[in-house]
């Protein structure tokens, strides 16, 4: 990037979205390319009841070919695809927990741990039994996390992040925003992300040439 400040890619996501899990591989690839990656919360299914929904209900909504395509994307990215077999969680508590972890400088570690718990280990991340264990796994205090999240202290942050994304035309996740200039929707392959980086580089160069 010719000595300039690194490009920043903001990724809006929700734990329950399988494409957001694939986006973890894309984010790692971007980081290796020298990009600064920031994850932000997007409450994808606020309509889900607190206990989540039955997985069979979700399976009925989409054709079998789509489920196989999702599994294939995970395999191509070198990721496990093993979500909880019975429940699709309401992730609002998890999203608020991530914001608590961000305030402790541990967002990246906890985000990775909870995603692994759900997508790799097939655990139900709805309640504090699993979420608290994830908090402990990254070296933080589960009791503190539960008390602060349940107080509602981080609800506004999740709502504001979701609303900001929606105000910019983002209706689904993952959504990659490059340098606050360019939106790439979905867990696109590396080639598309590389083109986005090149486009942002050109935009920067044009601004510099024009004195902007």
Protein backbone atom coordinates (compact mmCIF):
# COMPACT_ATOMS: atom_id res chain seq x y z
CA UNK A 1 0.00 0.00 0.00
CA UNK A 2 3.00 2.23 -0.70
CA UNK A 3 3.50 3.40 2.86
CA UNK A 4 0.02 4.82 3.22
CA UNK A 5 -2.22 3.99 6.14
CA UNK A 6 -3.58 0.45 5.81
CA UNK A 7 -6.99 -0.02 4.29
CA UNK A 8 -9.68 -0.69 6.86
CA UNK A 9 -12.40 -3.25 6.18
CA UNK A 10 -15.42 -3.15 8.44
CA UNK A 11 -17.47 -6.36 8.49
CA UNK A 12 -21.03 -6.30 9.76
CA UNK A 13 -22.05 -9.79 10.82
CA UNK A 14 -24.17 -12.01 13.05
CA UNK A 15 -23.09 -15.31 14.59
CA UNK A 16 -26.13 -17.16 13.26
CA UNK A 17 -25.34 -16.38 9.62
CA UNK A 18 -23.37 -19.21 7.98
CA UNK A 19 -21.88 -16.85 5.42
CA UNK A 20 -20.53 -14.76 8.32
CA UNK A 21 -18.70 -17.85 9.49
CA UNK A 22 -17.16 -18.21 6.04
CA UNK A 23 -16.29 -14.52 6.27
CA UNK A 24 -13.86 -15.38 9.06
CA UNK A 25 -11.64 -17.03 6.48
CA UNK A 26 -11.99 -14.01 4.20
CA UNK A 27 -11.11 -11.71 7.11
CA UNK A 28 -7.99 -13.74 7.89
CA UNK A 29 -6.94 -13.50 4.25
CA UNK A 30 -7.46 -9.73 4.29
CA UNK A 31 -5.44 -9.40 7.49
CA UNK A 32 -2.57 -11.30 5.90
CA UNK A 33 -2.71 -8.77 3.05
CA UNK A 34 -2.09 -5.96 5.53
CA UNK A 35 -5.71 -4.86 5.90
CA UNK A 36 -7.07 -3.71 9.24
CA UNK A 37 -10.27 -5.68 9.90
CA UNK A 38 -13.01 -4.59 12.30
CA UNK A 39 -16.12 -6.66 13.04
CA UNK A 40 -19.36 -4.90 13.95
CA UNK A 41 -22.65 -6.41 15.11
CA UNK A 42 -25.74 -6.73 12.95
CA UNK A 43 -28.88 -8.13 14.58
CA UNK A 44 -29.98 -10.28 11.66
CA UNK A 45 -33.03 -11.95 13.20
CA UNK A 46 -34.56 -9.75 15.91
CA UNK A 47 -37.84 -11.57 15.27
CA UNK A 48 -36.50 -14.83 16.70
CA UNK A 49 -37.91 -15.66 20.16
CA UNK A 50 -35.39 -15.58 23.04
CA UNK A 51 -34.96 -19.36 22.89
CA UNK A 52 -34.34 -19.34 19.13
CA UNK A 53 -36.15 -21.50 16.59
CA UNK A 54 -36.11 -25.18 15.73
CA UNK A 55 -33.51 -26.01 13.09
CA UNK A 56 -36.06 -28.05 11.16
CA UNK A 57 -38.05 -24.85 10.73
CA UNK A 58 -35.05 -23.14 9.14
CA UNK A 59 -34.37 -26.16 6.96
CA UNK A 60 -37.89 -26.00 5.56
CA UNK A 61 -37.43 -22.39 4.47
CA UNK A 62 -34.65 -23.13 1.98
CA UNK A 63 -34.10 -25.86 -0.62
CA UNK A 64 -31.70 -28.69 0.09
CA UNK A 65 -29.43 -27.39 -2.65
CA UNK A 66 -28.82 -24.21 -0.67
CA UNK A 67 -27.86 -26.11 2.48
CA UNK A 68 -25.42 -28.18 0.45
CA UNK A 69 -23.98 -25.03 -1.14
CA UNK A 70 -23.41 -23.54 2.31
CA UNK A 71 -21.68 -26.72 3.46
CA UNK A 72 -19.53 -26.62 0.34
CA UNK A 73 -18.49 -23.03 0.99
CA UNK A 74 -17.32 -24.04 4.46
CA UNK A 75 -15.36 -26.96 3.11
CA UNK A 76 -13.72 -24.79 0.45
CA UNK A 77 -12.70 -22.31 3.15
CA UNK A 78 -11.26 -25.06 5.35
CA UNK A 79 -13.95 -24.57 7.99
CA UNK A 80 -16.17 -27.03 9.85
CA UNK A 81 -19.90 -26.82 9.29
CA UNK A 82 -21.46 -28.31 12.40
CA UNK A 83 -24.11 -25.92 13.79
CA UNK A 84 -26.30 -27.00 16.70
CA UNK A 85 -28.50 -29.75 15.26
CA UNK A 86 -31.74 -28.78 17.00
CA UNK A 87 -31.75 -25.05 17.68
CA UNK A 88 -30.98 -21.93 15.68
CA UNK A 89 -30.19 -19.38 18.38
CA UNK A 90 -31.36 -15.89 19.04
CA UNK A 91 -27.95 -14.22 19.03
CA UNK A 92 -28.81 -10.87 20.57
CA UNK A 93 -27.17 -11.82 23.88
CA UNK A 94 -24.04 -12.99 22.07
CA UNK A 95 -23.84 -9.77 20.05
CA UNK A 96 -24.11 -7.68 23.20
CA UNK A 97 -21.49 -9.89 24.83
CA UNK A 98 -19.10 -9.14 21.98
CA UNK A 99 -19.51 -5.43 22.66
CA UNK A 100 -18.72 -6.02 26.32
CA UNK A 101 -15.60 -7.90 25.22
CA UNK A 102 -14.68 -5.00 22.92
CA UNK A 103 -14.75 -2.71 25.95
CA UNK A 104 -12.22 -5.08 27.54
CA UNK A 105 -9.99 -5.21 24.46
CA UNK A 106 -10.93 -8.83 23.80
CA UNK A 107 -13.51 -8.65 21.00
CA UNK A 108 -11.46 -10.60 18.45
CA UNK A 109 -10.71 -13.46 20.83
CA UNK A 110 -14.26 -13.86 22.09
CA UNK A 111 -15.83 -13.46 18.65
CA UNK A 112 -13.62 -16.27 17.37
CA UNK A 113 -14.34 -18.46 20.40
CA UNK A 114 -18.13 -18.12 20.19
CA UNK A 115 -18.16 -18.70 16.45
CA UNK A 116 -16.14 -21.87 17.00
CA UNK A 117 -18.51 -22.97 19.75
CA UNK A 118 -21.51 -22.70 17.46
CA UNK A 119 -20.22 -23.60 14.01
CA UNK A 120 -17.48 -26.09 14.85
CA UNK A 121 -18.56 -27.63 18.15
CA UNK A 122 -22.31 -27.60 17.55
CA UNK A 123 -23.12 -25.92 20.86
CA UNK A 124 -26.22 -23.87 21.67
CA UNK A 125 -24.96 -20.33 22.29
CA UNK A 126 -28.31 -18.98 23.49
CA UNK A 127 -27.61 -19.12 27.23
CA UNK A 128 -24.90 -18.29 29.71
CA UNK A 129 -23.89 -21.90 30.27
CA UNK A 130 -22.08 -21.89 26.92
CA UNK A 131 -21.42 -18.16 26.59
CA UNK A 132 -19.95 -18.00 30.08
CA UNK A 133 -17.64 -20.90 29.28
CA UNK A 134 -16.50 -19.07 26.15
CA UNK A 135 -15.78 -15.95 28.21
CA UNK A 136 -13.67 -18.01 30.62
CA UNK A 137 -11.84 -19.63 27.71
CA UNK A 138 -10.50 -16.24 26.62
CA UNK A 139 -9.42 -15.33 30.13
CA UNK A 140 -12.26 -13.03 31.17
CA UNK A 141 -14.71 -13.19 34.07
CA UNK A 142 -17.99 -14.92 33.17
CA UNK A 143 -19.85 -13.50 36.18
CA UNK A 144 -18.85 -9.95 35.25
CA UNK A 145 -19.80 -10.52 31.63
CA UNK A 146 -23.24 -11.86 32.51
CA UNK A 147 -23.98 -9.09 35.00
CA UNK A 148 -22.99 -6.30 32.62
CA UNK A 149 -24.69 -7.72 29.54
CA UNK A 150 -27.89 -8.56 31.40
CA UNK A 151 -27.96 -5.01 32.76
CA UNK A 152 -28.59 -3.84 29.20
CA UNK A 153 -25.42 -1.76 29.11
CA UNK A 154 -24.47 -2.96 25.63
CA UNK A 155 -27.89 -3.19 24.00
CA UNK A 156 -27.71 0.31 22.55
CA UNK A 157 -24.37 -0.40 20.87
CA UNK A 158 -25.78 -3.39 19.00
CA UNK A 159 -28.92 -1.51 17.99
CA UNK A 160 -26.95 1.51 16.82
CA UNK A 161 -24.54 -0.60 14.78
CA UNK A 162 -27.41 -2.44 13.10
CA UNK A 163 -29.24 0.81 12.36
CA UNK A 164 -26.10 2.42 10.94
CA UNK A 165 -25.64 -0.49 8.56
CA UNK A 166 -29.27 -0.39 7.48
CA UNK A 167 -29.09 3.36 6.93
CA UNK A 168 -26.28 2.70 4.44
CA UNK A 169 -28.34 0.17 2.54
CA UNK A 170 -27.05 -2.98 4.22
CA UNK A 171 -29.87 -5.46 4.67
CA UNK A 172 -27.94 -8.70 4.96
CA UNK A 173 -24.62 -9.98 6.21
CA UNK A 174 -21.75 -10.35 5.96
CA UNK A 175 -21.22 -6.88 4.57
CA UNK A 176 -17.65 -5.76 3.91
CA UNK A 177 -17.09 -2.01 3.75
CA UNK A 178 -13.68 -1.04 2.39
CA UNK A 179 -12.21 2.19 3.71
CA UNK A 180 -15.73 3.64 4.21
CA UNK A 181 -15.88 3.85 0.40
CA UNK A 182 -16.91 0.54 -1.12
CA UNK A 183 -19.46 -2.09 -0.09
CA UNK A 184 -19.01 -5.76 -0.96
CA UNK A 185 -21.94 -7.91 0.10
CA UNK A 186 -21.60 -11.56 1.05
CA UNK A 187 -18.65 -13.88 1.67
CA UNK A 188 -17.17 -13.25 -1.76
CA UNK A 189 -14.12 -15.17 -3.00
CA UNK A 190 -10.63 -13.77 -2.61
CA UNK A 191 -10.56 -12.58 -6.21
CA UNK A 192 -13.49 -10.22 -5.64
CA UNK A 193 -11.99 -8.90 -2.42
CA UNK A 194 -8.67 -8.35 -4.15
CA UNK A 195 -10.39 -6.31 -6.85
CA UNK A 196 -12.08 -4.26 -4.15
CA UNK A 197 -8.71 -3.55 -2.56
CA UNK A 198 -7.32 -2.48 -5.92
CA UNK A 199 -10.31 -0.22 -6.53
CA UNK A 200 -9.92 1.45 -3.15
CA UNK A 201 -6.21 1.90 -3.87
CA UNK A 202 -7.08 3.69 -7.11
CA UNK A 203 -9.62 5.87 -5.32
CA UNK A 204 -7.00 6.86 -2.77
CA UNK A 205 -4.49 7.64 -5.51
CA UNK A 206 -6.99 9.78 -7.40
CA UNK A 207 -7.81 11.72 -4.27
CA UNK A 208 -4.13 12.27 -3.54
CA UNK A 209 -3.49 13.43 -7.11
CA UNK A 210 -6.39 15.85 -6.89
CA UNK A 211 -5.22 17.23 -3.59
CA UNK A 212 -8.21 15.69 -1.77
